[in-house]
C-alpha atoms as a PDB file:
ATOM      1  CA  UNK A   1     -25.448 133.117  -2.171  1.00  0.00           C
ATOM      2  CA  UNK A   2     -22.975 130.381  -3.028  1.00  0.00           C
ATOM      3  CA  UNK A   3     -22.273 127.764  -0.378  1.00  0.00           C
ATOM      4  CA  UNK A   4     -19.029 127.476   1.501  1.00  0.00           C
ATOM      5  CA  UNK A   5     -17.472 124.470   3.158  1.00  0.00           C
ATOM      6  CA  UNK A   6     -14.820 123.780   5.771  1.00  0.00           C
ATOM      7  CA  UNK A   7     -13.543 120.810   3.768  1.00  0.00           C
ATOM      8  CA  UNK A   8     -13.511 119.609   0.152  1.00  0.00           C
ATOM      9  CA  UNK A   9     -16.779 117.837  -0.757  1.00  0.00           C
ATOM     10  CA  UNK A  10     -16.568 114.910  -3.208  1.00  0.00           C
ATOM     11  CA  UNK A  11     -18.173 116.858  -6.073  1.00  0.00           C
ATOM     12  CA  UNK A  12     -15.620 119.669  -5.720  1.00  0.00           C
ATOM     13  CA  UNK A  13     -12.778 117.159  -5.338  1.00  0.00           C
ATOM     14  CA  UNK A  14     -13.733 115.749  -8.746  1.00  0.00           C
ATOM     15  CA  UNK A  15     -13.806 119.287 -10.191  1.00  0.00           C
ATOM     16  CA  UNK A  16     -10.312 120.039  -8.841  1.00  0.00           C
ATOM     17  CA  UNK A  17      -8.885 116.810 -10.214  1.00  0.00           C
ATOM     18  CA  UNK A  18     -10.229 117.580 -13.712  1.00  0.00           C
ATOM     19  CA  UNK A  19      -8.401 120.925 -13.996  1.00  0.00           C
ATOM     20  CA  UNK A  20      -5.207 121.230 -16.049  1.00  0.00           C
ATOM     21  CA  UNK A  21      -4.186 124.488 -14.365  1.00  0.00           C
ATOM     22  CA  UNK A  22      -4.579 126.046 -10.945  1.00  0.00           C
ATOM     23  CA  UNK A  23      -3.387 129.257  -9.334  1.00  0.00           C
ATOM     24  CA  UNK A  24      -1.686 129.802  -5.996  1.00  0.00           C
ATOM     25  CA  UNK A  25      -1.735 133.106  -4.084  1.00  0.00           C
ATOM     26  CA  UNK A  26       0.412 133.982  -1.073  1.00  0.00           C
ATOM     27  CA  UNK A  27       1.639 137.100   0.681  1.00  0.00           C
ATOM     28  CA  UNK A  28       3.946 137.932   3.534  1.00  0.00           C
ATOM     29  CA  UNK A  29       2.754 140.419   6.161  1.00  0.00           C
ATOM     30  CA  UNK A  30       4.287 143.225   4.096  1.00  0.00           C
ATOM     31  CA  UNK A  31       5.399 143.437   0.497  1.00  0.00           C
ATOM     32  CA  UNK A  32       3.993 142.064  -2.695  1.00  0.00           C
ATOM     33  CA  UNK A  33       1.196 139.543  -3.171  1.00  0.00           C
ATOM     34  CA  UNK A  34       2.223 136.661  -5.416  1.00  0.00           C
ATOM     35  CA  UNK A  35      -0.097 134.734  -7.738  1.00  0.00           C
ATOM     36  CA  UNK A  36       1.368 131.853  -9.737  1.00  0.00           C
ATOM     37  CA  UNK A  37      -0.167 129.540 -12.324  1.00  0.00           C
ATOM     38  CA  UNK A  38       0.614 125.860 -11.816  1.00  0.00           C
ATOM     39  CA  UNK A  39       0.249 122.916 -14.139  1.00  0.00           C
ATOM     40  CA  UNK A  40       1.785 119.533 -14.858  1.00  0.00           C
ATOM     41  CA  UNK A  41       0.723 116.551 -12.774  1.00  0.00           C
ATOM     42  CA  UNK A  42       1.558 118.426  -9.580  1.00  0.00           C
ATOM     43  CA  UNK A  43      -1.489 118.327  -7.285  1.00  0.00           C
ATOM     44  CA  UNK A  44      -2.851 115.686  -4.928  1.00  0.00           C
ATOM     45  CA  UNK A  45      -5.835 115.821  -2.614  1.00  0.00           C
ATOM     46  CA  UNK A  46      -4.735 113.781   0.391  1.00  0.00           C
ATOM     47  CA  UNK A  47      -8.073 114.037   2.171  1.00  0.00           C
ATOM     48  CA  UNK A  48     -10.960 116.503   2.544  1.00  0.00           C
ATOM     49  CA  UNK A  49      -8.808 118.855   4.651  1.00  0.00           C
ATOM     50  CA  UNK A  50      -5.395 118.485   3.017  1.00  0.00           C
ATOM     51  CA  UNK A  51      -3.994 119.284  -0.430  1.00  0.00           C
ATOM     52  CA  UNK A  52      -0.370 119.005  -1.522  1.00  0.00           C
ATOM     53  CA  UNK A  53       1.297 120.284  -4.658  1.00  0.00           C
ATOM     54  CA  UNK A  54       4.737 119.720  -6.044  1.00  0.00           C
ATOM     55  CA  UNK A  55       6.620 122.911  -6.776  1.00  0.00           C
ATOM     56  CA  UNK A  56       9.155 122.821  -9.595  1.00  0.00           C
ATOM     57  CA  UNK A  57      12.013 125.214 -10.211  1.00  0.00           C
ATOM     58  CA  UNK A  58      11.100 128.562 -11.693  1.00  0.00           C
ATOM     59  CA  UNK A  59      12.550 132.010 -12.034  1.00  0.00           C
ATOM     60  CA  UNK A  60      11.467 132.973  -8.526  1.00  0.00           C
ATOM     61  CA  UNK A  61      10.529 131.281  -5.283  1.00  0.00           C
ATOM     62  CA  UNK A  62       7.997 133.703  -3.823  1.00  0.00           C
ATOM     63  CA  UNK A  63       5.579 131.089  -2.529  1.00  0.00           C
ATOM     64  CA  UNK A  64       8.222 129.449  -0.363  1.00  0.00           C
ATOM     65  CA  UNK A  65       9.367 132.733   1.163  1.00  0.00           C
ATOM     66  CA  UNK A  66       5.804 133.871   1.791  1.00  0.00           C
ATOM     67  CA  UNK A  67       4.594 130.631   3.380  1.00  0.00           C
ATOM     68  CA  UNK A  68       7.572 130.525   5.734  1.00  0.00           C
ATOM     69  CA  UNK A  69       6.805 134.107   6.759  1.00  0.00           C
ATOM     70  CA  UNK A  70       2.996 133.848   6.750  1.00  0.00           C
ATOM     71  CA  UNK A  71       1.364 130.459   6.097  1.00  0.00           C
ATOM     72  CA  UNK A  72      -1.840 131.761   4.458  1.00  0.00           C
ATOM     73  CA  UNK A  73      -2.451 130.368   0.980  1.00  0.00           C
ATOM     74  CA  UNK A  74      -5.310 130.484  -1.488  1.00  0.00           C
ATOM     75  CA  UNK A  75      -5.582 128.055  -4.380  1.00  0.00           C
ATOM     76  CA  UNK A  76      -7.938 128.882  -7.234  1.00  0.00           C
ATOM     77  CA  UNK A  77      -9.368 126.539  -9.828  1.00  0.00           C
ATOM     78  CA  UNK A  78     -11.439 127.721 -12.760  1.00  0.00           C
ATOM     79  CA  UNK A  79     -13.482 125.829 -15.295  1.00  0.00           C
ATOM     80  CA  UNK A  80     -12.374 126.682 -18.826  1.00  0.00           C
ATOM     81  CA  UNK A  81     -14.681 124.068 -20.385  1.00  0.00           C
ATOM     82  CA  UNK A  82     -18.134 122.752 -19.581  1.00  0.00           C
ATOM     83  CA  UNK A  83     -20.154 124.292 -16.789  1.00  0.00           C
ATOM     84  CA  UNK A  84     -18.735 127.537 -15.378  1.00  0.00           C
ATOM     85  CA  UNK A  85     -17.238 127.545 -11.897  1.00  0.00           C
ATOM     86  CA  UNK A  86     -14.488 129.192  -9.920  1.00  0.00           C
ATOM     87  CA  UNK A  87     -13.350 127.398  -6.795  1.00  0.00           C
ATOM     88  CA  UNK A  88     -11.107 128.844  -4.112  1.00  0.00           C
ATOM     89  CA  UNK A  89      -9.499 126.686  -1.445  1.00  0.00           C
ATOM     90  CA  UNK A  90      -8.167 128.604   1.563  1.00  0.00           C
ATOM     91  CA  UNK A  91      -5.926 127.519   4.382  1.00  0.00           C
ATOM     92  CA  UNK A  92      -2.495 127.488   5.944  1.00  0.00           C
ATOM     93  CA  UNK A  93       0.431 125.852   4.205  1.00  0.00           C
ATOM     94  CA  UNK A  94       3.851 124.626   5.088  1.00  0.00           C
ATOM     95  CA  UNK A  95       6.902 124.060   2.926  1.00  0.00           C
ATOM     96  CA  UNK A  96       8.327 120.568   2.672  1.00  0.00           C
ATOM     97  CA  UNK A  97      11.957 120.685   1.498  1.00  0.00           C
ATOM     98  CA  UNK A  98      13.889 117.625   0.313  1.00  0.00           C
ATOM     99  CA  UNK A  99      15.506 117.121   3.731  1.00  0.00           C
ATOM    100  CA  UNK A 100      12.127 117.074   5.540  1.00  0.00           C
ATOM    101  CA  UNK A 101      11.143 113.664   6.972  1.00  0.00           C
ATOM    102  CA  UNK A 102       7.892 113.678   4.945  1.00  0.00           C
ATOM    103  CA  UNK A 103       9.575 114.445   1.579  1.00  0.00           C
ATOM    104  CA  UNK A 104      10.092 110.882   0.330  1.00  0.00           C
ATOM    105  CA  UNK A 105       6.587 109.739   1.199  1.00  0.00           C
ATOM    106  CA  UNK A 106       4.897 112.797  -0.362  1.00  0.00           C
ATOM    107  CA  UNK A 107       7.190 112.976  -3.398  1.00  0.00           C
ATOM    108  CA  UNK A 108       6.372 109.332  -4.177  1.00  0.00           C
ATOM    109  CA  UNK A 109       2.770 110.432  -4.880  1.00  0.00           C
ATOM    110  CA  UNK A 110       3.930 112.279  -8.018  1.00  0.00           C
ATOM    111  CA  UNK A 111       5.566 111.072 -11.210  1.00  0.00           C
ATOM    112  CA  UNK A 112       9.353 111.618 -11.303  1.00  0.00           C
ATOM    113  CA  UNK A 113       9.747 115.334 -11.958  1.00  0.00           C
ATOM    114  CA  UNK A 114      13.099 116.930 -12.810  1.00  0.00           C
ATOM    115  CA  UNK A 115      13.542 120.283 -11.086  1.00  0.00           C
ATOM    116  CA  UNK A 116      11.251 119.444  -8.145  1.00  0.00           C
ATOM    117  CA  UNK A 117      12.278 121.751  -5.305  1.00  0.00           C
ATOM    118  CA  UNK A 118       9.522 121.800  -2.671  1.00  0.00           C
ATOM    119  CA  UNK A 119       6.138 120.384  -1.792  1.00  0.00           C
ATOM    120  CA  UNK A 120       3.508 122.661  -0.322  1.00  0.00           C
ATOM    121  CA  UNK A 121       1.148 121.068   2.174  1.00  0.00           C
ATOM    122  CA  UNK A 122      -2.107 123.021   2.567  1.00  0.00           C
ATOM    123  CA  UNK A 123      -4.353 122.492   5.571  1.00  0.00           C
ATOM    124  CA  UNK A 124      -7.795 123.467   4.248  1.00  0.00           C
ATOM    125  CA  UNK A 125     -10.110 125.631   6.348  1.00  0.00           C
ATOM    126  CA  UNK A 126     -12.483 127.089   3.724  1.00  0.00           C
ATOM    127  CA  UNK A 127     -13.684 125.975   0.285  1.00  0.00           C
ATOM    128  CA  UNK A 128     -15.750 128.503  -1.665  1.00  0.00           C
ATOM    129  CA  UNK A 129     -17.212 127.991  -5.141  1.00  0.00           C
ATOM    130  CA  UNK A 130     -18.495 130.901  -7.203  1.00  0.00           C
ATOM    131  CA  UNK A 131     -20.250 131.187 -10.544  1.00  0.00           C
ATOM    132  CA  UNK A 132     -17.430 131.707 -13.051  1.00  0.00           C
ATOM    133  CA  UNK A 133     -19.839 132.819 -15.764  1.00  0.00           C
ATOM    134  CA  UNK A 134     -17.471 135.582 -16.941  1.00  0.00           C
ATOM    135  CA  UNK A 135     -14.563 133.149 -17.437  1.00  0.00           C
ATOM    136  CA  UNK A 136     -14.067 132.404 -21.137  1.00  0.00           C
ATOM    137  CA  UNK A 137     -13.993 128.928 -22.610  1.00  0.00           C
ATOM    138  CA  UNK A 138     -10.570 127.575 -23.613  1.00  0.00           C
ATOM    139  CA  UNK A 139      -9.428 124.311 -25.121  1.00  0.00           C
ATOM    140  CA  UNK A 140      -6.550 122.473 -23.480  1.00  0.00           C
ATOM    141  CA  UNK A 141      -4.023 121.409 -26.098  1.00  0.00           C
ATOM    142  CA  UNK A 142      -1.181 119.888 -24.089  1.00  0.00           C
ATOM    143  CA  UNK A 143       1.324 120.545 -21.331  1.00  0.00           C
ATOM    144  CA  UNK A 144       4.572 122.270 -22.180  1.00  0.00           C
ATOM    145  CA  UNK A 145       7.743 120.201 -22.045  1.00  0.00           C
ATOM    146  CA  UNK A 146      10.319 123.002 -21.870  1.00  0.00           C
ATOM    147  CA  UNK A 147      10.699 123.048 -18.068  1.00  0.00           C
ATOM    148  CA  UNK A 148      11.288 119.302 -17.857  1.00  0.00           C
ATOM    149  CA  UNK A 149      13.878 119.391 -20.666  1.00  0.00           C
ATOM    150  CA  UNK A 150      15.610 122.396 -19.086  1.00  0.00           C
ATOM    151  CA  UNK A 151      15.782 120.697 -15.669  1.00  0.00           C
ATOM    152  CA  UNK A 152      17.037 117.409 -17.144  1.00  0.00           C
ATOM    153  CA  UNK A 153      19.779 119.258 -19.028  1.00  0.00           C
ATOM    154  CA  UNK A 154      20.874 121.137 -15.883  1.00  0.00           C
ATOM    155  CA  UNK A 155      21.064 117.987 -13.784  1.00  0.00           C
ATOM    156  CA  UNK A 156      21.055 117.914  -9.996  1.00  0.00           C
ATOM    157  CA  UNK A 157      24.232 119.972  -9.506  1.00  0.00           C
ATOM    158  CA  UNK A 158      23.169 122.538 -12.101  1.00  0.00           C
ATOM    159  CA  UNK A 159      19.765 122.827 -10.462  1.00  0.00           C
ATOM    160  CA  UNK A 160      21.308 123.474  -7.043  1.00  0.00           C
ATOM    161  CA  UNK A 161      23.550 126.141  -8.583  1.00  0.00           C
ATOM    162  CA  UNK A 162      20.467 127.744 -10.155  1.00  0.00           C
ATOM    163  CA  UNK A 163      18.624 127.709  -6.814  1.00  0.00           C
ATOM    164  CA  UNK A 164      21.615 129.274  -5.120  1.00  0.00           C
ATOM    165  CA  UNK A 165      21.762 132.062  -7.688  1.00  0.00           C
ATOM    166  CA  UNK A 166      18.051 132.707  -8.343  1.00  0.00           C
ATOM    167  CA  UNK A 167      15.815 131.145  -5.672  1.00  0.00           C
ATOM    168  CA  UNK A 168      17.168 132.104  -2.231  1.00  0.00           C
ATOM    169  CA  UNK A 169      15.133 135.261  -1.636  1.00  0.00           C
ATOM    170  CA  UNK A 170      11.778 136.678  -2.649  1.00  0.00           C
ATOM    171  CA  UNK A 171      11.319 139.928  -4.541  1.00  0.00           C
ATOM    172  CA  UNK A 172      10.964 141.606  -1.148  1.00  0.00           C
ATOM    173  CA  UNK A 173      14.158 140.028   0.226  1.00  0.00           C
ATOM    174  CA  UNK A 174      12.543 137.284   2.342  1.00  0.00           C
ATOM    175  CA  UNK A 175      14.533 134.043   2.650  1.00  0.00           C
ATOM    176  CA  UNK A 176      13.238 130.890   0.952  1.00  0.00           C
ATOM    177  CA  UNK A 177      15.634 128.571   2.813  1.00  0.00           C
ATOM    178  CA  UNK A 178      15.931 126.478  -0.347  1.00  0.00           C
ATOM    179  CA  UNK A 179      19.626 125.759   0.118  1.00  0.00           C
ATOM    180  CA  UNK A 180      19.058 124.700   3.737  1.00  0.00           C
ATOM    181  CA  UNK A 181      16.231 122.425   2.707  1.00  0.00           C
ATOM    182  CA  UNK A 182      17.664 120.902  -0.475  1.00  0.00           C
ATOM    183  CA  UNK A 183      21.230 119.942   0.281  1.00  0.00           C
END
């Protein structure tokens, strides 16, 4: 049986920090479960019990709506090179919008990122590695630059207009509060 931890051990911290991609899963009490791939330089381990990640603008905003309705979140990391491993980090998250008192301090931990809309702050309560031997090997080539270019072209006002049109509710009609939190 694989071990489980109530915090992120140093060896698993190093594993997380080596990954180019991670996945985030959330769900409200009812409705759809959402799983999203995340990349870029968007994740920081603050301490053994706390992980933050910078959320950039996308076509939907499910994670924000879900976390505000039900704070449960699972993050998954998978080794696509070297030794096989899957690592899940479980806990409760909160949404940090741009008007939140902690925004400036947390946002300063990331490189300037056009289209940044929220930071998710996960309080870790379980860390569970598993074998990952069925996960195929992949080679990382490079990050994609399209999102950054798109956000730069839109500018701040264009981004807010996009959020207003596309990011205010989840697929199940739950509010994301993005316009309240990013004015």
